[in-house]
Amino acid sequence: MTVMSIINVPASATLDDVPLISRILALAFDDDPMMRWFFPDGATRRDRLGRYFTTLFTGQYARHGVCERTGSAVAFWVAPEGQEKAVPDAETVHRLQEILGDRAEVFRATVETAAAHAYGEPHWYLALLGADPAAQGQGHGAALLRSGLARADAAGLPVCLESSKPANLPFYEHFGFAVRGEVRLADDGPTVWAMVRPPRPATGA
């Protein structure tokens, strides 16, 4: 077995993984249109992204989601029964507002827009999937995606996600996702594509 095959095996992400998760996601989303809209200052973006994703993980998804990682990628999922709970509490919202600064109102409006276009049927939700660009092509993101899709397939449920990066759409389409709608965010914001993947027999992704 090669080293690569070991480090890209999904494992549960715990609070002990915060430094790794922060670093991976700050690198992964540095060129994401949504994150660049939230954090337009390139000089401070990676630091603020690291704090932003740490806050989401510790205050939201680690509590009510299913969080997995490899050595170079991270995924946050939410099961149907956890979606009402997997929202930021007041303390987490306050911390996010501090990190976002004068972009906090833009963030709030984006969350409201996403809620208005939410998928209406029970589903698994892929809140985020990000991989260190240095590990591109090594299968880290695909391994995490297959892991979550297998859970959804076992439950006979669809999976939903949103992406603001056009280059990501073919990757998700390869795994059976299809665009179900797109929204152009206000104030010259990016376009967000909502995608859904119907359940498949649990024999594979």
N, C-alpha and C. Protein backbone atom coordinates (compact mmCIF):
# COMPACT_ATOMS: atom_id res chain seq x y z
N MET A 1 0.85 -1.19 0.00
CA MET A 1 0.00 0.00 0.00
C MET A 1 0.89 1.24 0.00
N THR A 2 0.59 2.19 -0.86
CA THR A 2 1.39 3.39 -0.94
C THR A 2 1.00 4.38 0.12
N VAL A 3 1.87 5.36 0.36
CA VAL A 3 1.56 6.42 1.32
C VAL A 3 0.33 7.18 0.88
N MET A 4 0.20 7.46 -0.42
CA MET A 4 -0.94 8.22 -0.93
C MET A 4 -2.24 7.53 -0.59
N SER A 5 -2.27 6.21 -0.73
CA SER A 5 -3.53 5.50 -0.47
C SER A 5 -3.91 5.54 1.00
N ILE A 6 -2.92 5.78 1.88
CA ILE A 6 -3.22 5.88 3.30
C ILE A 6 -3.77 7.26 3.64
N ILE A 7 -3.13 8.31 3.13
CA ILE A 7 -3.49 9.64 3.59
C ILE A 7 -4.78 10.15 2.95
N ASN A 8 -5.27 9.51 1.88
CA ASN A 8 -6.53 10.00 1.33
C ASN A 8 -7.72 9.12 1.70
N VAL A 9 -7.58 8.35 2.77
CA VAL A 9 -8.70 7.59 3.31
C VAL A 9 -9.47 8.48 4.27
N PRO A 10 -10.78 8.64 4.10
CA PRO A 10 -11.56 9.52 4.98
C PRO A 10 -11.51 9.07 6.44
N ALA A 11 -11.43 10.05 7.32
CA ALA A 11 -11.48 9.82 8.76
C ALA A 11 -12.36 10.89 9.38
N SER A 12 -12.97 10.58 10.51
CA SER A 12 -13.78 11.57 11.21
C SER A 12 -12.90 12.74 11.63
N ALA A 13 -13.41 13.95 11.43
CA ALA A 13 -12.70 15.15 11.85
C ALA A 13 -13.14 15.52 13.26
N THR A 14 -12.18 15.78 14.13
CA THR A 14 -12.48 16.13 15.52
C THR A 14 -11.91 17.51 15.82
N LEU A 15 -12.20 18.00 17.00
CA LEU A 15 -11.70 19.32 17.39
C LEU A 15 -10.18 19.35 17.45
N ASP A 16 -9.55 18.20 17.61
CA ASP A 16 -8.09 18.15 17.57
C ASP A 16 -7.54 18.49 16.18
N ASP A 17 -8.41 18.39 15.17
CA ASP A 17 -7.99 18.64 13.79
C ASP A 17 -8.16 20.10 13.36
N VAL A 18 -8.54 20.97 14.28
CA VAL A 18 -8.81 22.36 13.92
C VAL A 18 -7.66 23.01 13.14
N PRO A 19 -6.40 22.91 13.57
CA PRO A 19 -5.33 23.55 12.79
C PRO A 19 -5.24 23.02 11.35
N LEU A 20 -5.38 21.71 11.19
CA LEU A 20 -5.32 21.12 9.86
C LEU A 20 -6.51 21.59 9.01
N ILE A 21 -7.70 21.54 9.58
CA ILE A 21 -8.91 21.96 8.86
C ILE A 21 -8.81 23.42 8.45
N SER A 22 -8.38 24.27 9.36
CA SER A 22 -8.24 25.70 9.07
C SER A 22 -7.28 25.93 7.91
N ARG A 23 -6.14 25.25 7.94
CA ARG A 23 -5.15 25.44 6.88
C ARG A 23 -5.66 24.94 5.53
N ILE A 24 -6.23 23.74 5.52
CA ILE A 24 -6.70 23.15 4.25
C ILE A 24 -7.78 24.03 3.62
N LEU A 25 -8.76 24.43 4.41
CA LEU A 25 -9.88 25.17 3.84
C LEU A 25 -9.49 26.58 3.43
N ALA A 26 -8.57 27.21 4.16
CA ALA A 26 -8.10 28.54 3.75
C ALA A 26 -7.41 28.47 2.40
N LEU A 27 -6.65 27.41 2.16
CA LEU A 27 -5.99 27.23 0.86
C LEU A 27 -7.00 26.85 -0.22
N ALA A 28 -7.92 25.96 0.14
CA ALA A 28 -8.88 25.45 -0.84
C ALA A 28 -9.81 26.52 -1.37
N PHE A 29 -10.22 27.45 -0.51
CA PHE A 29 -11.22 28.44 -0.90
C PHE A 29 -10.64 29.82 -1.19
N ASP A 30 -9.33 29.91 -1.27
CA ASP A 30 -8.70 31.20 -1.54
C ASP A 30 -9.14 31.78 -2.88
N ASP A 31 -9.41 30.93 -3.87
CA ASP A 31 -9.81 31.43 -5.20
C ASP A 31 -11.29 31.22 -5.47
N ASP A 32 -12.07 30.89 -4.44
CA ASP A 32 -13.50 30.66 -4.61
C ASP A 32 -14.21 32.01 -4.76
N PRO A 33 -15.05 32.18 -5.79
CA PRO A 33 -15.72 33.47 -5.99
C PRO A 33 -16.52 33.96 -4.79
N MET A 34 -17.20 33.05 -4.11
CA MET A 34 -17.98 33.46 -2.95
C MET A 34 -17.08 33.98 -1.84
N MET A 35 -16.00 33.24 -1.56
CA MET A 35 -15.11 33.65 -0.49
C MET A 35 -14.37 34.94 -0.85
N ARG A 36 -14.07 35.15 -2.09
CA ARG A 36 -13.43 36.40 -2.50
C ARG A 36 -14.40 37.57 -2.40
N TRP A 37 -15.67 37.27 -2.53
CA TRP A 37 -16.69 38.31 -2.36
C TRP A 37 -16.86 38.65 -0.89
N PHE A 38 -16.80 37.63 -0.04
CA PHE A 38 -16.88 37.88 1.40
C PHE A 38 -15.61 38.55 1.92
N PHE A 39 -14.47 38.15 1.38
CA PHE A 39 -13.17 38.63 1.87
C PHE A 39 -12.38 39.22 0.71
N PRO A 40 -12.70 40.42 0.28
CA PRO A 40 -12.08 41.00 -0.93
C PRO A 40 -10.62 41.39 -0.76
N ASP A 41 -10.14 41.56 0.47
CA ASP A 41 -8.76 41.99 0.70
C ASP A 41 -7.83 40.78 0.61
N GLY A 42 -7.08 40.70 -0.49
CA GLY A 42 -6.19 39.56 -0.68
C GLY A 42 -5.12 39.43 0.37
N ALA A 43 -4.70 40.53 0.96
CA ALA A 43 -3.62 40.51 1.95
C ALA A 43 -4.04 39.82 3.24
N THR A 44 -5.32 39.87 3.56
CA THR A 44 -5.80 39.28 4.82
C THR A 44 -6.71 38.07 4.60
N ARG A 45 -6.97 37.72 3.34
CA ARG A 45 -7.99 36.72 3.04
C ARG A 45 -7.70 35.37 3.70
N ARG A 46 -6.51 34.85 3.54
CA ARG A 46 -6.26 33.49 4.05
C ARG A 46 -6.37 33.43 5.56
N ASP A 47 -5.88 34.43 6.24
CA ASP A 47 -6.00 34.44 7.69
C ASP A 47 -7.46 34.48 8.11
N ARG A 48 -8.25 35.33 7.46
CA ARG A 48 -9.66 35.45 7.81
C ARG A 48 -10.43 34.20 7.41
N LEU A 49 -10.06 33.60 6.28
CA LEU A 49 -10.70 32.35 5.89
C LEU A 49 -10.43 31.26 6.91
N GLY A 50 -9.21 31.19 7.40
CA GLY A 50 -8.89 30.19 8.41
C GLY A 50 -9.74 30.36 9.65
N ARG A 51 -9.92 31.60 10.10
CA ARG A 51 -10.74 31.85 11.28
C ARG A 51 -12.21 31.60 10.99
N TYR A 52 -12.64 31.94 9.79
CA TYR A 52 -14.04 31.73 9.37
C TYR A 52 -14.39 30.25 9.39
N PHE A 53 -13.56 29.42 8.77
CA PHE A 53 -13.88 27.99 8.71
C PHE A 53 -13.70 27.32 10.07
N THR A 54 -12.75 27.78 10.86
CA THR A 54 -12.62 27.25 12.22
C THR A 54 -13.88 27.52 13.02
N THR A 55 -14.43 28.72 12.87
CA THR A 55 -15.66 29.08 13.59
C THR A 55 -16.84 28.23 13.13
N LEU A 56 -16.98 28.06 11.83
CA LEU A 56 -18.07 27.21 11.32
C LEU A 56 -17.94 25.78 11.82
N PHE A 57 -16.73 25.28 11.83
CA PHE A 57 -16.51 23.89 12.26
C PHE A 57 -16.80 23.72 13.74
N THR A 58 -16.19 24.56 14.58
CA THR A 58 -16.32 24.36 16.02
C THR A 58 -17.69 24.77 16.55
N GLY A 59 -18.31 25.77 15.93
CA GLY A 59 -19.57 26.26 16.45
C GLY A 59 -20.81 25.70 15.79
N GLN A 60 -20.62 24.97 14.67
CA GLN A 60 -21.79 24.55 13.90
C GLN A 60 -21.68 23.09 13.47
N TYR A 61 -20.78 22.80 12.54
CA TYR A 61 -20.80 21.48 11.91
C TYR A 61 -20.24 20.37 12.79
N ALA A 62 -19.27 20.67 13.66
CA ALA A 62 -18.77 19.64 14.56
C ALA A 62 -19.83 19.21 15.56
N ARG A 63 -20.81 20.08 15.80
CA ARG A 63 -21.87 19.78 16.76
C ARG A 63 -23.03 19.02 16.13
N HIS A 64 -23.40 19.41 14.92
CA HIS A 64 -24.63 18.88 14.34
C HIS A 64 -24.44 18.31 12.93
N GLY A 65 -23.21 18.17 12.49
CA GLY A 65 -22.96 17.64 11.16
C GLY A 65 -22.11 16.38 11.21
N VAL A 66 -21.72 15.93 10.04
CA VAL A 66 -20.80 14.81 9.88
C VAL A 66 -19.57 15.38 9.18
N CYS A 67 -18.47 15.44 9.88
CA CYS A 67 -17.27 16.08 9.37
C CYS A 67 -16.18 15.04 9.16
N GLU A 68 -15.62 15.03 7.96
CA GLU A 68 -14.57 14.08 7.63
C GLU A 68 -13.39 14.82 7.00
N ARG A 69 -12.25 14.17 7.05
CA ARG A 69 -11.05 14.75 6.45
C ARG A 69 -10.16 13.63 5.92
N THR A 70 -9.27 14.01 5.03
CA THR A 70 -8.12 13.19 4.70
C THR A 70 -6.90 14.01 5.11
N GLY A 71 -5.73 13.66 4.61
CA GLY A 71 -4.56 14.45 4.91
C GLY A 71 -4.55 15.80 4.23
N SER A 72 -5.42 15.97 3.20
CA SER A 72 -5.38 17.21 2.42
C SER A 72 -6.74 17.72 2.00
N ALA A 73 -7.82 17.20 2.56
CA ALA A 73 -9.16 17.65 2.17
C ALA A 73 -10.11 17.53 3.36
N VAL A 74 -11.19 18.30 3.29
CA VAL A 74 -12.18 18.36 4.37
C VAL A 74 -13.58 18.40 3.75
N ALA A 75 -14.53 17.73 4.39
CA ALA A 75 -15.93 17.79 3.97
C ALA A 75 -16.82 17.92 5.20
N PHE A 76 -17.80 18.81 5.12
CA PHE A 76 -18.83 18.96 6.15
C PHE A 76 -20.16 18.56 5.54
N TRP A 77 -20.84 17.59 6.16
CA TRP A 77 -22.13 17.10 5.71
C TRP A 77 -23.17 17.32 6.81
N VAL A 78 -24.43 17.40 6.40
CA VAL A 78 -25.52 17.47 7.37
C VAL A 78 -26.61 16.49 6.94
N ALA A 79 -26.97 15.60 7.86
CA ALA A 79 -28.04 14.65 7.60
C ALA A 79 -29.40 15.35 7.69
N PRO A 80 -30.44 14.76 7.13
CA PRO A 80 -31.77 15.40 7.18
C PRO A 80 -32.20 15.76 8.59
N GLU A 81 -31.97 14.85 9.53
CA GLU A 81 -32.43 15.08 10.89
C GLU A 81 -31.62 16.15 11.63
N GLY A 82 -30.48 16.54 11.06
CA GLY A 82 -29.65 17.55 11.71
C GLY A 82 -29.78 18.94 11.13
N GLN A 83 -30.57 19.09 10.08
CA GLN A 83 -30.55 20.37 9.37
C GLN A 83 -31.20 21.51 10.13
N GLU A 84 -32.19 21.23 10.96
CA GLU A 84 -32.79 22.30 11.76
C GLU A 84 -31.85 22.76 12.87
N LYS A 85 -30.99 21.85 13.33
CA LYS A 85 -30.07 22.19 14.41
C LYS A 85 -28.76 22.79 13.89
N ALA A 86 -28.38 22.44 12.67
CA ALA A 86 -27.07 22.83 12.14
C ALA A 86 -27.09 24.27 11.62
N VAL A 87 -27.47 25.15 12.49
CA VAL A 87 -27.44 26.59 12.19
C VAL A 87 -26.62 27.26 13.27
N PRO A 88 -25.94 28.35 12.96
CA PRO A 88 -25.08 28.99 13.97
C PRO A 88 -25.90 29.52 15.14
N ASP A 89 -25.40 29.28 16.36
CA ASP A 89 -26.02 29.90 17.52
C ASP A 89 -25.56 31.35 17.63
N ALA A 90 -26.07 32.06 18.64
CA ALA A 90 -25.79 33.49 18.74
C ALA A 90 -24.30 33.78 18.89
N GLU A 91 -23.61 32.96 19.66
CA GLU A 91 -22.17 33.17 19.86
C GLU A 91 -21.41 32.98 18.55
N THR A 92 -21.77 31.94 17.80
CA THR A 92 -21.10 31.69 16.52
C THR A 92 -21.39 32.81 15.53
N VAL A 93 -22.62 33.28 15.50
CA VAL A 93 -22.97 34.39 14.61
C VAL A 93 -22.13 35.62 14.96
N HIS A 94 -21.99 35.90 16.24
CA HIS A 94 -21.20 37.06 16.67
C HIS A 94 -19.74 36.92 16.22
N ARG A 95 -19.18 35.74 16.38
CA ARG A 95 -17.79 35.51 15.96
C ARG A 95 -17.64 35.66 14.46
N LEU A 96 -18.61 35.14 13.70
CA LEU A 96 -18.56 35.29 12.25
C LEU A 96 -18.65 36.75 11.84
N GLN A 97 -19.51 37.50 12.50
CA GLN A 97 -19.65 38.92 12.19
C GLN A 97 -18.35 39.67 12.43
N GLU A 98 -17.65 39.32 13.49
CA GLU A 98 -16.37 39.96 13.77
C GLU A 98 -15.35 39.64 12.68
N ILE A 99 -15.34 38.40 12.22
CA ILE A 99 -14.39 38.00 11.18
C ILE A 99 -14.73 38.67 9.84
N LEU A 100 -16.01 38.75 9.52
CA LEU A 100 -16.45 39.31 8.25
C LEU A 100 -16.37 40.83 8.22
N GLY A 101 -16.46 41.46 9.36
CA GLY A 101 -16.36 42.92 9.42
C GLY A 101 -17.48 43.58 8.63
N ASP A 102 -17.10 44.49 7.72
CA ASP A 102 -18.12 45.22 6.96
C ASP A 102 -18.79 44.37 5.89
N ARG A 103 -18.39 43.10 5.77
CA ARG A 103 -19.05 42.18 4.84
C ARG A 103 -20.08 41.29 5.56
N ALA A 104 -20.30 41.55 6.83
CA ALA A 104 -21.23 40.71 7.59
C ALA A 104 -22.65 40.79 7.04
N GLU A 105 -23.08 41.96 6.60
CA GLU A 105 -24.43 42.10 6.05
C GLU A 105 -24.57 41.34 4.74
N VAL A 106 -23.52 41.34 3.94
CA VAL A 106 -23.52 40.57 2.69
C VAL A 106 -23.67 39.08 3.00
N PHE A 107 -22.96 38.62 4.00
CA PHE A 107 -23.05 37.23 4.42
C PHE A 107 -24.46 36.88 4.87
N ARG A 108 -25.05 37.76 5.70
CA ARG A 108 -26.40 37.50 6.19
C ARG A 108 -27.40 37.40 5.03
N ALA A 109 -27.30 38.31 4.07
CA ALA A 109 -28.21 38.29 2.92
C ALA A 109 -28.01 37.03 2.09
N THR A 110 -26.79 36.57 1.99
CA THR A 110 -26.51 35.35 1.22
C THR A 110 -27.12 34.13 1.89
N VAL A 111 -27.01 34.06 3.21
CA VAL A 111 -27.61 32.95 3.95
C VAL A 111 -29.13 32.95 3.76
N GLU A 112 -29.73 34.11 3.80
CA GLU A 112 -31.18 34.20 3.61
C GLU A 112 -31.58 33.78 2.19
N THR A 113 -30.79 34.18 1.20
CA THR A 113 -31.07 33.79 -0.17
C THR A 113 -30.98 32.28 -0.34
N ALA A 114 -29.95 31.69 0.25
CA ALA A 114 -29.80 30.24 0.16
C ALA A 114 -30.98 29.52 0.82
N ALA A 115 -31.43 30.03 1.97
CA ALA A 115 -32.55 29.41 2.66
C ALA A 115 -33.83 29.48 1.82
N ALA A 116 -33.99 30.57 1.08
CA ALA A 116 -35.19 30.74 0.27
C ALA A 116 -35.21 29.77 -0.91
N HIS A 117 -34.04 29.26 -1.31
CA HIS A 117 -33.96 28.34 -2.45
C HIS A 117 -33.61 26.92 -2.01
N ALA A 118 -33.82 26.62 -0.74
CA ALA A 118 -33.46 25.31 -0.21
C ALA A 118 -34.31 24.21 -0.84
N TYR A 119 -33.72 23.04 -0.95
CA TYR A 119 -34.41 21.87 -1.49
C TYR A 119 -35.49 21.44 -0.50
N GLY A 120 -36.68 21.18 -0.99
CA GLY A 120 -37.81 20.97 -0.10
C GLY A 120 -37.98 19.57 0.46
N GLU A 121 -37.36 18.57 -0.14
CA GLU A 121 -37.54 17.19 0.30
C GLU A 121 -36.40 16.76 1.22
N PRO A 122 -36.61 15.73 2.04
CA PRO A 122 -35.52 15.23 2.88
C PRO A 122 -34.29 14.88 2.05
N HIS A 123 -33.11 15.29 2.54
CA HIS A 123 -31.88 15.08 1.77
C HIS A 123 -30.67 15.20 2.68
N TRP A 124 -29.56 14.66 2.23
CA TRP A 124 -28.27 14.96 2.82
C TRP A 124 -27.75 16.24 2.16
N TYR A 125 -27.06 17.05 2.96
CA TYR A 125 -26.55 18.33 2.47
C TYR A 125 -25.03 18.35 2.58
N LEU A 126 -24.36 18.61 1.47
CA LEU A 126 -22.91 18.79 1.48
C LEU A 126 -22.64 20.28 1.67
N ALA A 127 -22.31 20.66 2.91
CA ALA A 127 -22.12 22.07 3.23
C ALA A 127 -20.86 22.62 2.60
N LEU A 128 -19.80 21.81 2.58
CA LEU A 128 -18.59 22.23 1.90
C LEU A 128 -17.68 21.04 1.66
N LEU A 129 -16.87 21.16 0.64
CA LEU A 129 -15.84 20.18 0.31
C LEU A 129 -14.66 20.97 -0.24
N GLY A 130 -13.52 20.86 0.41
CA GLY A 130 -12.35 21.61 -0.04
C GLY A 130 -11.09 20.80 0.10
N ALA A 131 -10.19 20.95 -0.88
CA ALA A 131 -8.92 20.23 -0.86
C ALA A 131 -7.78 21.21 -1.08
N ASP A 132 -6.66 20.94 -0.45
CA ASP A 132 -5.45 21.71 -0.64
C ASP A 132 -5.07 21.65 -2.13
N PRO A 133 -4.92 22.78 -2.81
CA PRO A 133 -4.56 22.75 -4.23
C PRO A 133 -3.28 21.97 -4.51
N ALA A 134 -2.38 21.89 -3.54
CA ALA A 134 -1.14 21.15 -3.74
C ALA A 134 -1.37 19.65 -3.89
N ALA A 135 -2.53 19.17 -3.44
CA ALA A 135 -2.85 17.75 -3.52
C ALA A 135 -3.84 17.46 -4.65
N GLN A 136 -4.04 18.41 -5.53
CA GLN A 136 -5.00 18.22 -6.62
C GLN A 136 -4.64 16.98 -7.44
N GLY A 137 -5.65 16.20 -7.77
CA GLY A 137 -5.45 15.01 -8.59
C GLY A 137 -5.07 13.77 -7.81
N GLN A 138 -4.97 13.87 -6.49
CA GLN A 138 -4.58 12.72 -5.68
C GLN A 138 -5.79 11.99 -5.08
N GLY A 139 -6.99 12.44 -5.40
CA GLY A 139 -8.18 11.72 -5.00
C GLY A 139 -8.74 12.04 -3.63
N HIS A 140 -8.23 13.09 -2.98
CA HIS A 140 -8.71 13.41 -1.64
C HIS A 140 -10.17 13.86 -1.64
N GLY A 141 -10.50 14.83 -2.49
CA GLY A 141 -11.87 15.31 -2.56
C GLY A 141 -12.83 14.22 -2.99
N ALA A 142 -12.42 13.42 -3.98
CA ALA A 142 -13.29 12.34 -4.46
C ALA A 142 -13.54 11.30 -3.38
N ALA A 143 -12.52 11.01 -2.57
CA ALA A 143 -12.70 10.03 -1.49
C ALA A 143 -13.72 10.51 -0.47
N LEU A 144 -13.65 11.79 -0.12
CA LEU A 144 -14.62 12.34 0.84
C LEU A 144 -16.02 12.40 0.24
N LEU A 145 -16.10 12.75 -1.04
CA LEU A 145 -17.41 12.80 -1.68
C LEU A 145 -18.04 11.42 -1.74
N ARG A 146 -17.27 10.41 -2.12
CA ARG A 146 -17.81 9.05 -2.17
C ARG A 146 -18.28 8.59 -0.79
N SER A 147 -17.56 8.95 0.24
CA SER A 147 -17.93 8.54 1.58
C SER A 147 -19.31 9.08 1.96
N GLY A 148 -19.53 10.36 1.70
CA GLY A 148 -20.83 10.94 2.02
C GLY A 148 -21.95 10.43 1.12
N LEU A 149 -21.65 10.26 -0.15
CA LEU A 149 -22.67 9.75 -1.07
C LEU A 149 -23.09 8.34 -0.68
N ALA A 150 -22.16 7.54 -0.18
CA ALA A 150 -22.51 6.19 0.24
C ALA A 150 -23.52 6.21 1.39
N ARG A 151 -23.36 7.16 2.33
CA ARG A 151 -24.33 7.27 3.42
C ARG A 151 -25.71 7.66 2.89
N ALA A 152 -25.73 8.62 1.98
CA ALA A 152 -27.01 9.05 1.42
C ALA A 152 -27.67 7.93 0.63
N ASP A 153 -26.87 7.21 -0.15
CA ASP A 153 -27.41 6.11 -0.93
C ASP A 153 -27.98 5.01 -0.04
N ALA A 154 -27.28 4.73 1.07
CA ALA A 154 -27.75 3.71 2.00
C ALA A 154 -29.10 4.09 2.60
N ALA A 155 -29.33 5.39 2.74
CA ALA A 155 -30.60 5.88 3.28
C ALA A 155 -31.64 6.12 2.19
N GLY A 156 -31.24 5.97 0.92
CA GLY A 156 -32.16 6.21 -0.18
C GLY A 156 -32.53 7.66 -0.35
N LEU A 157 -31.59 8.56 -0.05
CA LEU A 157 -31.89 9.99 -0.08
C LEU A 157 -31.00 10.73 -1.08
N PRO A 158 -31.53 11.82 -1.64
CA PRO A 158 -30.71 12.65 -2.53
C PRO A 158 -29.69 13.46 -1.72
N VAL A 159 -28.76 14.06 -2.45
CA VAL A 159 -27.75 14.93 -1.85
C VAL A 159 -27.82 16.28 -2.56
N CYS A 160 -27.73 17.36 -1.77
CA CYS A 160 -27.77 18.71 -2.33
C CYS A 160 -26.51 19.47 -1.94
N LEU A 161 -26.14 20.43 -2.78
CA LEU A 161 -25.01 21.30 -2.49
C LEU A 161 -25.18 22.58 -3.28
N GLU A 162 -24.36 23.58 -2.93
CA GLU A 162 -24.26 24.79 -3.73
C GLU A 162 -22.80 25.06 -4.04
N SER A 163 -22.54 25.61 -5.22
CA SER A 163 -21.18 25.97 -5.60
C SER A 163 -21.19 27.30 -6.33
N SER A 164 -20.20 28.13 -6.02
CA SER A 164 -20.06 29.39 -6.75
C SER A 164 -18.87 29.36 -7.70
N LYS A 165 -18.26 28.20 -7.86
CA LYS A 165 -17.08 28.08 -8.70
C LYS A 165 -17.43 27.23 -9.93
N PRO A 166 -17.51 27.84 -11.11
CA PRO A 166 -17.92 27.09 -12.30
C PRO A 166 -17.05 25.87 -12.59
N ALA A 167 -15.76 25.97 -12.28
CA ALA A 167 -14.86 24.85 -12.56
C ALA A 167 -15.20 23.61 -11.75
N ASN A 168 -15.95 23.77 -10.66
CA ASN A 168 -16.31 22.61 -9.83
C ASN A 168 -17.50 21.83 -10.39
N LEU A 169 -18.28 22.46 -11.24
CA LEU A 169 -19.51 21.80 -11.70
C LEU A 169 -19.25 20.48 -12.41
N PRO A 170 -18.28 20.39 -13.34
CA PRO A 170 -18.03 19.09 -13.99
C PRO A 170 -17.61 18.00 -13.01
N PHE A 171 -16.88 18.38 -11.97
CA PHE A 171 -16.47 17.40 -10.96
C PHE A 171 -17.71 16.78 -10.30
N TYR A 172 -18.63 17.63 -9.88
CA TYR A 172 -19.83 17.11 -9.24
C TYR A 172 -20.73 16.37 -10.23
N GLU A 173 -20.79 16.85 -11.45
CA GLU A 173 -21.60 16.16 -12.47
C GLU A 173 -21.07 14.75 -12.71
N HIS A 174 -19.76 14.57 -12.62
CA HIS A 174 -19.17 13.24 -12.78
C HIS A 174 -19.72 12.26 -11.75
N PHE A 175 -20.10 12.77 -10.59
CA PHE A 175 -20.62 11.92 -9.52
C PHE A 175 -22.15 11.88 -9.51
N GLY A 176 -22.77 12.38 -10.56
CA GLY A 176 -24.22 12.25 -10.70
C GLY A 176 -25.04 13.45 -10.31
N PHE A 177 -24.39 14.56 -9.94
CA PHE A 177 -25.13 15.78 -9.62
C PHE A 177 -25.59 16.48 -10.89
N ALA A 178 -26.68 17.19 -10.79
CA ALA A 178 -27.18 18.03 -11.88
C ALA A 178 -27.59 19.38 -11.31
N VAL A 179 -27.42 20.41 -12.09
CA VAL A 179 -27.82 21.75 -11.66
C VAL A 179 -29.34 21.82 -11.62
N ARG A 180 -29.88 22.25 -10.49
CA ARG A 180 -31.34 22.40 -10.36
C ARG A 180 -31.75 23.87 -10.35
N GLY A 181 -30.78 24.77 -10.34
CA GLY A 181 -31.08 26.19 -10.38
C GLY A 181 -29.83 27.01 -10.17
N GLU A 182 -29.90 28.28 -10.55
CA GLU A 182 -28.78 29.18 -10.29
C GLU A 182 -29.31 30.54 -9.86
N VAL A 183 -28.55 31.20 -9.01
CA VAL A 183 -28.95 32.49 -8.45
C VAL A 183 -27.76 33.44 -8.56
N ARG A 184 -28.00 34.62 -9.10
CA ARG A 184 -26.98 35.66 -9.09
C ARG A 184 -27.22 36.53 -7.86
N LEU A 185 -26.25 36.55 -6.98
CA LEU A 185 -26.40 37.28 -5.74
C LEU A 185 -26.36 38.78 -5.97
N ALA A 186 -27.03 39.51 -5.11
CA ALA A 186 -27.15 40.96 -5.26
C ALA A 186 -25.81 41.66 -5.03
N ASP A 187 -25.78 42.96 -5.37
CA ASP A 187 -24.58 43.78 -5.13
C ASP A 187 -23.36 43.22 -5.83
N ASP A 188 -23.55 42.84 -7.11
CA ASP A 188 -22.45 42.32 -7.93
C ASP A 188 -21.82 41.06 -7.35
N GLY A 189 -22.63 40.27 -6.67
CA GLY A 189 -22.14 39.02 -6.11
C GLY A 189 -21.99 37.95 -7.17
N PRO A 190 -21.37 36.82 -6.81
CA PRO A 190 -21.17 35.72 -7.77
C PRO A 190 -22.47 34.98 -8.05
N THR A 191 -22.45 34.16 -9.07
CA THR A 191 -23.54 33.23 -9.35
C THR A 191 -23.34 31.98 -8.51
N VAL A 192 -24.42 31.49 -7.94
CA VAL A 192 -24.39 30.26 -7.15
C VAL A 192 -25.25 29.21 -7.84
N TRP A 193 -24.67 28.04 -8.05
CA TRP A 193 -25.40 26.94 -8.67
C TRP A 193 -25.84 25.95 -7.60
N ALA A 194 -27.13 25.67 -7.55
CA ALA A 194 -27.65 24.64 -6.66
C ALA A 194 -27.69 23.33 -7.43
N MET A 195 -27.18 22.27 -6.81
CA MET A 195 -27.09 20.97 -7.48
C MET A 195 -27.74 19.90 -6.62
N VAL A 196 -28.22 18.87 -7.27
CA VAL A 196 -28.83 17.75 -6.55
C VAL A 196 -28.42 16.45 -7.24
N ARG A 197 -28.28 15.42 -6.45
CA ARG A 197 -27.96 14.08 -6.96
C ARG A 197 -28.97 13.11 -6.38
N PRO A 198 -29.71 12.41 -7.23
CA PRO A 198 -30.67 11.43 -6.71
C PRO A 198 -29.96 10.24 -6.12
N PRO A 199 -30.63 9.51 -5.24
CA PRO A 199 -29.99 8.33 -4.63
C PRO A 199 -29.75 7.24 -5.67
N ARG A 200 -28.71 6.48 -5.42
CA ARG A 200 -28.38 5.33 -6.25
C ARG A 200 -28.34 4.09 -5.37
N PRO A 201 -28.38 2.92 -5.98
CA PRO A 201 -28.18 1.70 -5.19
C PRO A 201 -26.87 1.80 -4.42
N ALA A 202 -26.84 1.29 -3.22
CA ALA A 202 -25.70 1.49 -2.33
C ALA A 202 -24.46 0.73 -2.72
N THR A 203 -24.44 0.15 -3.92
CA THR A 203 -23.26 -0.60 -4.36
C THR A 203 -22.13 0.29 -4.81
N GLY A 204 -22.39 1.59 -5.04
CA GLY A 204 -21.31 2.48 -5.46
C GLY A 204 -21.82 3.86 -5.73
N ALA A 205 -20.85 4.81 -5.85
CA ALA A 205 -21.17 6.21 -6.09
C ALA A 205 -21.26 6.49 -7.56
